[in-house]
């Protein structure tokens, strides 16, 4: 999800679907400074302890920082 700063609002709109289906989420968290902290916390609040979080940065600086949220039930063992 890379929707130019509207990622948090999109997650809020998809909350019931996320709770029900536990999709793998890939979300850009570099558009707003607060997204780096608020988006993982928002997801965790929606689905308590059901996701593992990973952050990858694809360029130097703050740009191209991506949060991966992987449901524990879909992790390879």
PDB file of N, CA and C in Angstrom:
ATOM      1  N   UNK A   1       0.864  -1.161   0.000  1.00  0.00           N
ATOM      2  CA  UNK A   1       0.000   0.000   0.000  1.00  0.00           C
ATOM      3  C   UNK A   1       0.914   1.228   0.000  1.00  0.00           C
ATOM      4  N   UNK A   2       0.842   1.981  -1.031  1.00  0.00           N
ATOM      5  CA  UNK A   2       1.592   3.233  -1.136  1.00  0.00           C
ATOM      6  C   UNK A   2       0.627   4.270  -1.690  1.00  0.00           C
ATOM      7  N   UNK A   3      -0.111   4.910  -0.785  1.00  0.00           N
ATOM      8  CA  UNK A   3      -1.154   5.832  -1.229  1.00  0.00           C
ATOM      9  C   UNK A   3      -0.919   7.242  -0.690  1.00  0.00           C
ATOM     10  N   UNK A   4       0.348   7.639  -0.753  1.00  0.00           N
ATOM     11  CA  UNK A   4       0.777   9.023  -0.539  1.00  0.00           C
ATOM     12  C   UNK A   4       0.270   9.665   0.748  1.00  0.00           C
ATOM     13  N   UNK A   5       0.404   8.942   1.850  1.00  0.00           N
ATOM     14  CA  UNK A   5       0.060   9.523   3.138  1.00  0.00           C
ATOM     15  C   UNK A   5      -1.311   9.157   3.664  1.00  0.00           C
ATOM     16  N   UNK A   6      -2.096   8.429   2.892  1.00  0.00           N
ATOM     17  CA  UNK A   6      -3.444   8.041   3.332  1.00  0.00           C
ATOM     18  C   UNK A   6      -3.486   6.594   3.827  1.00  0.00           C
ATOM     19  N   UNK A   7      -2.329   6.025   4.108  1.00  0.00           N
ATOM     20  CA  UNK A   7      -2.262   4.627   4.527  1.00  0.00           C
ATOM     21  C   UNK A   7      -3.038   4.375   5.823  1.00  0.00           C
ATOM     22  N   UNK A   8      -2.902   5.247   6.788  1.00  0.00           N
ATOM     23  CA  UNK A   8      -3.587   5.064   8.069  1.00  0.00           C
ATOM     24  C   UNK A   8      -5.102   5.070   7.874  1.00  0.00           C
ATOM     25  N   UNK A   9      -5.593   5.996   7.094  1.00  0.00           N
ATOM     26  CA  UNK A   9      -7.033   6.074   6.842  1.00  0.00           C
ATOM     27  C   UNK A   9      -7.527   4.826   6.102  1.00  0.00           C
ATOM     28  N   UNK A  10      -6.726   4.318   5.172  1.00  0.00           N
ATOM     29  CA  UNK A  10      -7.106   3.103   4.445  1.00  0.00           C
ATOM     30  C   UNK A  10      -7.173   1.908   5.387  1.00  0.00           C
ATOM     31  N   UNK A  11      -6.214   1.815   6.304  1.00  0.00           N
ATOM     32  CA  UNK A  11      -6.238   0.724   7.281  1.00  0.00           C
ATOM     33  C   UNK A  11      -7.471   0.809   8.170  1.00  0.00           C
ATOM     34  N   UNK A  12      -7.815   2.002   8.591  1.00  0.00           N
ATOM     35  CA  UNK A  12      -9.017   2.170   9.413  1.00  0.00           C
ATOM     36  C   UNK A  12     -10.260   1.746   8.639  1.00  0.00           C
ATOM     37  N   UNK A  13     -10.318   2.069   7.364  1.00  0.00           N
ATOM     38  CA  UNK A  13     -11.453   1.675   6.528  1.00  0.00           C
ATOM     39  C   UNK A  13     -11.520   0.176   6.287  1.00  0.00           C
ATOM     40  N   UNK A  14     -10.365  -0.489   6.351  1.00  0.00           N
ATOM     41  CA  UNK A  14     -10.299  -1.929   6.095  1.00  0.00           C
ATOM     42  C   UNK A  14     -10.235  -2.748   7.384  1.00  0.00           C
ATOM     43  N   UNK A  15     -10.477  -2.122   8.517  1.00  0.00           N
ATOM     44  CA  UNK A  15     -10.296  -2.782   9.807  1.00  0.00           C
ATOM     45  C   UNK A  15     -11.046  -4.109   9.923  1.00  0.00           C
ATOM     46  N   UNK A  16     -12.301  -4.152   9.576  1.00  0.00           N
ATOM     47  CA  UNK A  16     -13.080  -5.391   9.707  1.00  0.00           C
ATOM     48  C   UNK A  16     -12.536  -6.486   8.798  1.00  0.00           C
ATOM     49  N   UNK A  17     -12.132  -6.132   7.592  1.00  0.00           N
ATOM     50  CA  UNK A  17     -11.561  -7.106   6.670  1.00  0.00           C
ATOM     51  C   UNK A  17     -10.233  -7.635   7.201  1.00  0.00           C
ATOM     52  N   UNK A  18      -9.416  -6.765   7.788  1.00  0.00           N
ATOM     53  CA  UNK A  18      -8.133  -7.182   8.356  1.00  0.00           C
ATOM     54  C   UNK A  18      -8.367  -8.133   9.533  1.00  0.00           C
ATOM     55  N   UNK A  19      -9.295  -7.800  10.399  1.00  0.00           N
ATOM     56  CA  UNK A  19      -9.607  -8.669  11.541  1.00  0.00           C
ATOM     57  C   UNK A  19     -10.101 -10.037  11.079  1.00  0.00           C
ATOM     58  N   UNK A  20     -10.950 -10.052  10.077  1.00  0.00           N
ATOM     59  CA  UNK A  20     -11.583 -11.289   9.612  1.00  0.00           C
ATOM     60  C   UNK A  20     -10.620 -12.163   8.800  1.00  0.00           C
ATOM     61  N   UNK A  21      -9.855 -11.555   7.884  1.00  0.00           N
ATOM     62  CA  UNK A  21      -9.072 -12.337   6.919  1.00  0.00           C
ATOM     63  C   UNK A  21      -7.583 -12.426   7.205  1.00  0.00           C
ATOM     64  N   UNK A  22      -7.053 -11.554   8.072  1.00  0.00           N
ATOM     65  CA  UNK A  22      -5.632 -11.530   8.420  1.00  0.00           C
ATOM     66  C   UNK A  22      -4.737 -11.555   7.172  1.00  0.00           C
ATOM     67  N   UNK A  23      -4.871 -10.576   6.280  1.00  0.00           N
ATOM     68  CA  UNK A  23      -4.035 -10.570   5.068  1.00  0.00           C
ATOM     69  C   UNK A  23      -2.596 -10.178   5.392  1.00  0.00           C
ATOM     70  N   UNK A  24      -1.690 -10.544   4.507  1.00  0.00           N
ATOM     71  CA  UNK A  24      -0.329 -10.031   4.575  1.00  0.00           C
ATOM     72  C   UNK A  24      -0.419  -8.560   4.173  1.00  0.00           C
ATOM     73  N   UNK A  25       0.223  -7.686   4.941  1.00  0.00           N
ATOM     74  CA  UNK A  25       0.156  -6.249   4.669  1.00  0.00           C
ATOM     75  C   UNK A  25       1.544  -5.726   4.328  1.00  0.00           C
ATOM     76  N   UNK A  26       1.619  -4.933   3.300  1.00  0.00           N
ATOM     77  CA  UNK A  26       2.845  -4.248   2.905  1.00  0.00           C
ATOM     78  C   UNK A  26       2.475  -2.777   2.772  1.00  0.00           C
ATOM     79  N   UNK A  27       3.032  -1.948   3.672  1.00  0.00           N
ATOM     80  CA  UNK A  27       2.569  -0.564   3.781  1.00  0.00           C
ATOM     81  C   UNK A  27       3.749   0.397   3.825  1.00  0.00           C
ATOM     82  N   UNK A  28       3.723   1.401   2.980  1.00  0.00           N
ATOM     83  CA  UNK A  28       4.745   2.443   3.030  1.00  0.00           C
ATOM     84  C   UNK A  28       4.507   3.302   4.270  1.00  0.00           C
ATOM     85  N   UNK A  29       5.587   3.545   5.019  1.00  0.00           N
ATOM     86  CA  UNK A  29       5.456   4.305   6.270  1.00  0.00           C
ATOM     87  C   UNK A  29       6.380   5.517   6.283  1.00  0.00           C
ATOM     88  N   UNK A  30       6.678   6.054   5.106  1.00  0.00           N
ATOM     89  CA  UNK A  30       7.616   7.183   5.034  1.00  0.00           C
ATOM     90  C   UNK A  30       6.972   8.508   4.660  1.00  0.00           C
ATOM     91  N   UNK A  31       5.714   8.512   4.343  1.00  0.00           N
ATOM     92  CA  UNK A  31       5.081   9.765   3.921  1.00  0.00           C
ATOM     93  C   UNK A  31       4.936  10.766   5.060  1.00  0.00           C
ATOM     94  N   UNK A  32       4.625  10.267   6.246  1.00  0.00           N
ATOM     95  CA  UNK A  32       4.492  11.120   7.439  1.00  0.00           C
ATOM     96  C   UNK A  32       5.364  10.519   8.530  1.00  0.00           C
ATOM     97  N   UNK A  33       6.082  11.357   9.261  1.00  0.00           N
ATOM     98  CA  UNK A  33       6.968  10.848  10.314  1.00  0.00           C
ATOM     99  C   UNK A  33       6.237   9.973  11.319  1.00  0.00           C
ATOM    100  N   UNK A  34       5.040  10.370  11.706  1.00  0.00           N
ATOM    101  CA  UNK A  34       4.291   9.624  12.715  1.00  0.00           C
ATOM    102  C   UNK A  34       3.853   8.236  12.237  1.00  0.00           C
ATOM    103  N   UNK A  35       3.785   8.035  10.911  1.00  0.00           N
ATOM    104  CA  UNK A  35       3.377   6.732  10.387  1.00  0.00           C
ATOM    105  C   UNK A  35       4.326   5.618  10.813  1.00  0.00           C
ATOM    106  N   UNK A  36       5.598   5.939  10.970  1.00  0.00           N
ATOM    107  CA  UNK A  36       6.598   4.944  11.360  1.00  0.00           C
ATOM    108  C   UNK A  36       6.200   4.261  12.672  1.00  0.00           C
ATOM    109  N   UNK A  37       5.585   4.997  13.574  1.00  0.00           N
ATOM    110  CA  UNK A  37       5.168   4.455  14.864  1.00  0.00           C
ATOM    111  C   UNK A  37       3.682   4.123  14.907  1.00  0.00           C
ATOM    112  N   UNK A  38       2.872   5.001  14.344  1.00  0.00           N
ATOM    113  CA  UNK A  38       1.420   4.860  14.496  1.00  0.00           C
ATOM    114  C   UNK A  38       0.830   3.702  13.695  1.00  0.00           C
ATOM    115  N   UNK A  39       1.342   3.440  12.516  1.00  0.00           N
ATOM    116  CA  UNK A  39       0.760   2.374  11.693  1.00  0.00           C
ATOM    117  C   UNK A  39       0.986   0.991  12.304  1.00  0.00           C
ATOM    118  N   UNK A  40       2.203   0.636  12.731  1.00  0.00           N
ATOM    119  CA  UNK A  40       2.333  -0.678  13.391  1.00  0.00           C
ATOM    120  C   UNK A  40       1.483  -0.780  14.662  1.00  0.00           C
ATOM    121  N   UNK A  41       1.408   0.297  15.427  1.00  0.00           N
ATOM    122  CA  UNK A  41       0.589   0.282  16.637  1.00  0.00           C
ATOM    123  C   UNK A  41      -0.889   0.131  16.303  1.00  0.00           C
ATOM    124  N   UNK A  42      -1.339   0.762  15.238  1.00  0.00           N
ATOM    125  CA  UNK A  42      -2.734   0.641  14.815  1.00  0.00           C
ATOM    126  C   UNK A  42      -3.066  -0.797  14.440  1.00  0.00           C
ATOM    127  N   UNK A  43      -2.196  -1.426  13.671  1.00  0.00           N
ATOM    128  CA  UNK A  43      -2.428  -2.817  13.276  1.00  0.00           C
ATOM    129  C   UNK A  43      -2.431  -3.721  14.513  1.00  0.00           C
ATOM    130  N   UNK A  44      -1.472  -3.510  15.400  1.00  0.00           N
ATOM    131  CA  UNK A  44      -1.406  -4.318  16.626  1.00  0.00           C
ATOM    132  C   UNK A  44      -2.667  -4.145  17.463  1.00  0.00           C
ATOM    133  N   UNK A  45      -3.186  -2.942  17.511  1.00  0.00           N
ATOM    134  CA  UNK A  45      -4.410  -2.684  18.260  1.00  0.00           C
ATOM    135  C   UNK A  45      -5.603  -3.411  17.641  1.00  0.00           C
ATOM    136  N   UNK A  46      -5.626  -3.507  16.312  1.00  0.00           N
ATOM    137  CA  UNK A  46      -6.725  -4.176  15.617  1.00  0.00           C
ATOM    138  C   UNK A  46      -6.721  -5.681  15.878  1.00  0.00           C
ATOM    139  N   UNK A  47      -5.548  -6.286  15.798  1.00  0.00           N
ATOM    140  CA  UNK A  47      -5.433  -7.749  15.850  1.00  0.00           C
ATOM    141  C   UNK A  47      -4.332  -8.138  16.837  1.00  0.00           C
ATOM    142  N   UNK A  48      -4.606  -8.004  18.081  1.00  0.00           N
ATOM    143  CA  UNK A  48      -3.639  -8.213  19.163  1.00  0.00           C
ATOM    144  C   UNK A  48      -2.766  -9.452  18.966  1.00  0.00           C
ATOM    145  N   UNK A  49      -1.485  -9.258  18.887  1.00  0.00           N
ATOM    146  CA  UNK A  49      -0.466 -10.317  18.872  1.00  0.00           C
ATOM    147  C   UNK A  49      -0.635 -11.340  17.750  1.00  0.00           C
ATOM    148  N   UNK A  50      -1.269 -10.962  16.665  1.00  0.00           N
ATOM    149  CA  UNK A  50      -1.469 -11.914  15.573  1.00  0.00           C
ATOM    150  C   UNK A  50      -0.574 -11.639  14.371  1.00  0.00           C
ATOM    151  N   UNK A  51       0.220 -10.582  14.431  1.00  0.00           N
ATOM    152  CA  UNK A  51       1.101 -10.225  13.318  1.00  0.00           C
ATOM    153  C   UNK A  51       2.541 -10.086  13.797  1.00  0.00           C
ATOM    154  N   UNK A  52       3.455 -10.468  12.929  1.00  0.00           N
ATOM    155  CA  UNK A  52       4.875 -10.167  13.120  1.00  0.00           C
ATOM    156  C   UNK A  52       5.181  -8.998  12.192  1.00  0.00           C
ATOM    157  N   UNK A  53       5.991  -8.056  12.658  1.00  0.00           N
ATOM    158  CA  UNK A  53       6.283  -6.852  11.890  1.00  0.00           C
ATOM    159  C   UNK A  53       7.746  -6.825  11.470  1.00  0.00           C
ATOM    160  N   UNK A  54       7.959  -6.382  10.238  1.00  0.00           N
ATOM    161  CA  UNK A  54       9.303  -6.231   9.693  1.00  0.00           C
ATOM    162  C   UNK A  54       9.355  -4.897   8.965  1.00  0.00           C
ATOM    163  N   UNK A  55      10.460  -4.208   9.077  1.00  0.00           N
ATOM    164  CA  UNK A  55      10.624  -2.935   8.369  1.00  0.00           C
ATOM    165  C   UNK A  55      11.843  -3.045   7.463  1.00  0.00           C
ATOM    166  N   UNK A  56      11.685  -2.625   6.230  1.00  0.00           N
ATOM    167  CA  UNK A  56      12.786  -2.608   5.267  1.00  0.00           C
ATOM    168  C   UNK A  56      12.875  -1.219   4.662  1.00  0.00           C
ATOM    169  N   UNK A  57      14.094  -0.794   4.437  1.00  0.00           N
ATOM    170  CA  UNK A  57      14.328   0.504   3.815  1.00  0.00           C
ATOM    171  C   UNK A  57      15.059   0.259   2.506  1.00  0.00           C
ATOM    172  N   UNK A  58      14.532   0.803   1.424  1.00  0.00           N
ATOM    173  CA  UNK A  58      15.050   0.518   0.098  1.00  0.00           C
ATOM    174  C   UNK A  58      15.882   1.650  -0.487  1.00  0.00           C
ATOM    175  N   UNK A  59      16.025   2.751   0.242  1.00  0.00           N
ATOM    176  CA  UNK A  59      16.889   3.863  -0.160  1.00  0.00           C
ATOM    177  C   UNK A  59      17.471   4.486   1.097  1.00  0.00           C
ATOM    178  N   UNK A  60      18.526   5.238   0.926  1.00  0.00           N
ATOM    179  CA  UNK A  60      19.092   5.969   2.055  1.00  0.00           C
ATOM    180  C   UNK A  60      18.150   7.083   2.466  1.00  0.00           C
ATOM    181  N   UNK A  61      18.178   7.458   3.720  1.00  0.00           N
ATOM    182  CA  UNK A  61      17.270   8.488   4.224  1.00  0.00           C
ATOM    183  C   UNK A  61      15.957   7.862   4.634  1.00  0.00           C
ATOM    184  N   UNK A  62      14.951   8.689   4.730  1.00  0.00           N
ATOM    185  CA  UNK A  62      13.654   8.221   5.214  1.00  0.00           C
ATOM    186  C   UNK A  62      12.779   7.624   4.113  1.00  0.00           C
ATOM    187  N   UNK A  63      13.018   7.976   2.869  1.00  0.00           N
ATOM    188  CA  UNK A  63      12.111   7.537   1.800  1.00  0.00           C
ATOM    189  C   UNK A  63      12.226   6.038   1.541  1.00  0.00           C
ATOM    190  N   UNK A  64      11.176   5.513   0.994  1.00  0.00           N
ATOM    191  CA  UNK A  64      11.073   4.100   0.628  1.00  0.00           C
ATOM    192  C   UNK A  64      11.222   3.162   1.823  1.00  0.00           C
ATOM    193  N   UNK A  65      10.628   3.527   2.940  1.00  0.00           N
ATOM    194  CA  UNK A  65      10.595   2.666   4.117  1.00  0.00           C
ATOM    195  C   UNK A  65       9.261   1.929   4.112  1.00  0.00           C
ATOM    196  N   UNK A  66       9.337   0.600   4.199  1.00  0.00           N
ATOM    197  CA  UNK A  66       8.147  -0.238   4.052  1.00  0.00           C
ATOM    198  C   UNK A  66       7.981  -1.123   5.285  1.00  0.00           C
ATOM    199  N   UNK A  67       6.748  -1.176   5.784  1.00  0.00           N
ATOM    200  CA  UNK A  67       6.381  -2.058   6.880  1.00  0.00           C
ATOM    201  C   UNK A  67       5.731  -3.304   6.285  1.00  0.00           C
ATOM    202  N   UNK A  68       6.223  -4.457   6.698  1.00  0.00           N
ATOM    203  CA  UNK A  68       5.602  -5.727   6.335  1.00  0.00           C
ATOM    204  C   UNK A  68       4.954  -6.276   7.590  1.00  0.00           C
ATOM    205  N   UNK A  69       3.685  -6.614   7.515  1.00  0.00           N
ATOM    206  CA  UNK A  69       2.962  -7.218   8.629  1.00  0.00           C
ATOM    207  C   UNK A  69       2.512  -8.597   8.171  1.00  0.00           C
ATOM    208  N   UNK A  70       3.091  -9.603   8.795  1.00  0.00           N
ATOM    209  CA  UNK A  70       2.846 -10.982   8.396  1.00  0.00           C
ATOM    210  C   UNK A  70       2.076 -11.699   9.496  1.00  0.00           C
ATOM    211  N   UNK A  71       0.884 -12.207   9.177  1.00  0.00           N
ATOM    212  CA  UNK A  71       0.117 -12.937  10.191  1.00  0.00           C
ATOM    213  C   UNK A  71       0.907 -14.128  10.697  1.00  0.00           C
ATOM    214  N   UNK A  72       0.916 -14.331  12.008  1.00  0.00           N
ATOM    215  CA  UNK A  72       1.643 -15.458  12.596  1.00  0.00           C
ATOM    216  C   UNK A  72       1.192 -16.780  11.992  1.00  0.00           C
ATOM    217  N   UNK A  73      -0.075 -16.895  11.651  1.00  0.00           N
ATOM    218  CA  UNK A  73      -0.615 -18.141  11.096  1.00  0.00           C
ATOM    219  C   UNK A  73      -0.063 -18.447   9.709  1.00  0.00           C
ATOM    220  N   UNK A  74       0.531 -17.463   9.039  1.00  0.00           N
ATOM    221  CA  UNK A  74       1.044 -17.670   7.682  1.00  0.00           C
ATOM    222  C   UNK A  74       2.559 -17.736   7.627  1.00  0.00           C
ATOM    223  N   UNK A  75       3.213 -17.613   8.771  1.00  0.00           N
ATOM    224  CA  UNK A  75       4.677 -17.686   8.797  1.00  0.00           C
ATOM    225  C   UNK A  75       5.132 -19.121   8.560  1.00  0.00           C
ATOM    226  N   UNK A  76       6.199 -19.261   7.799  1.00  0.00           N
ATOM    227  CA  UNK A  76       6.779 -20.599   7.577  1.00  0.00           C
ATOM    228  C   UNK A  76       7.506 -21.027   8.838  1.00  0.00           C
ATOM    229  N   UNK A  77       7.399 -22.273   9.138  1.00  0.00           N
ATOM    230  CA  UNK A  77       8.059 -22.808  10.344  1.00  0.00           C
ATOM    231  C   UNK A  77       9.261 -23.638   9.992  1.00  0.00           C
TER     232      UNK A  77
END
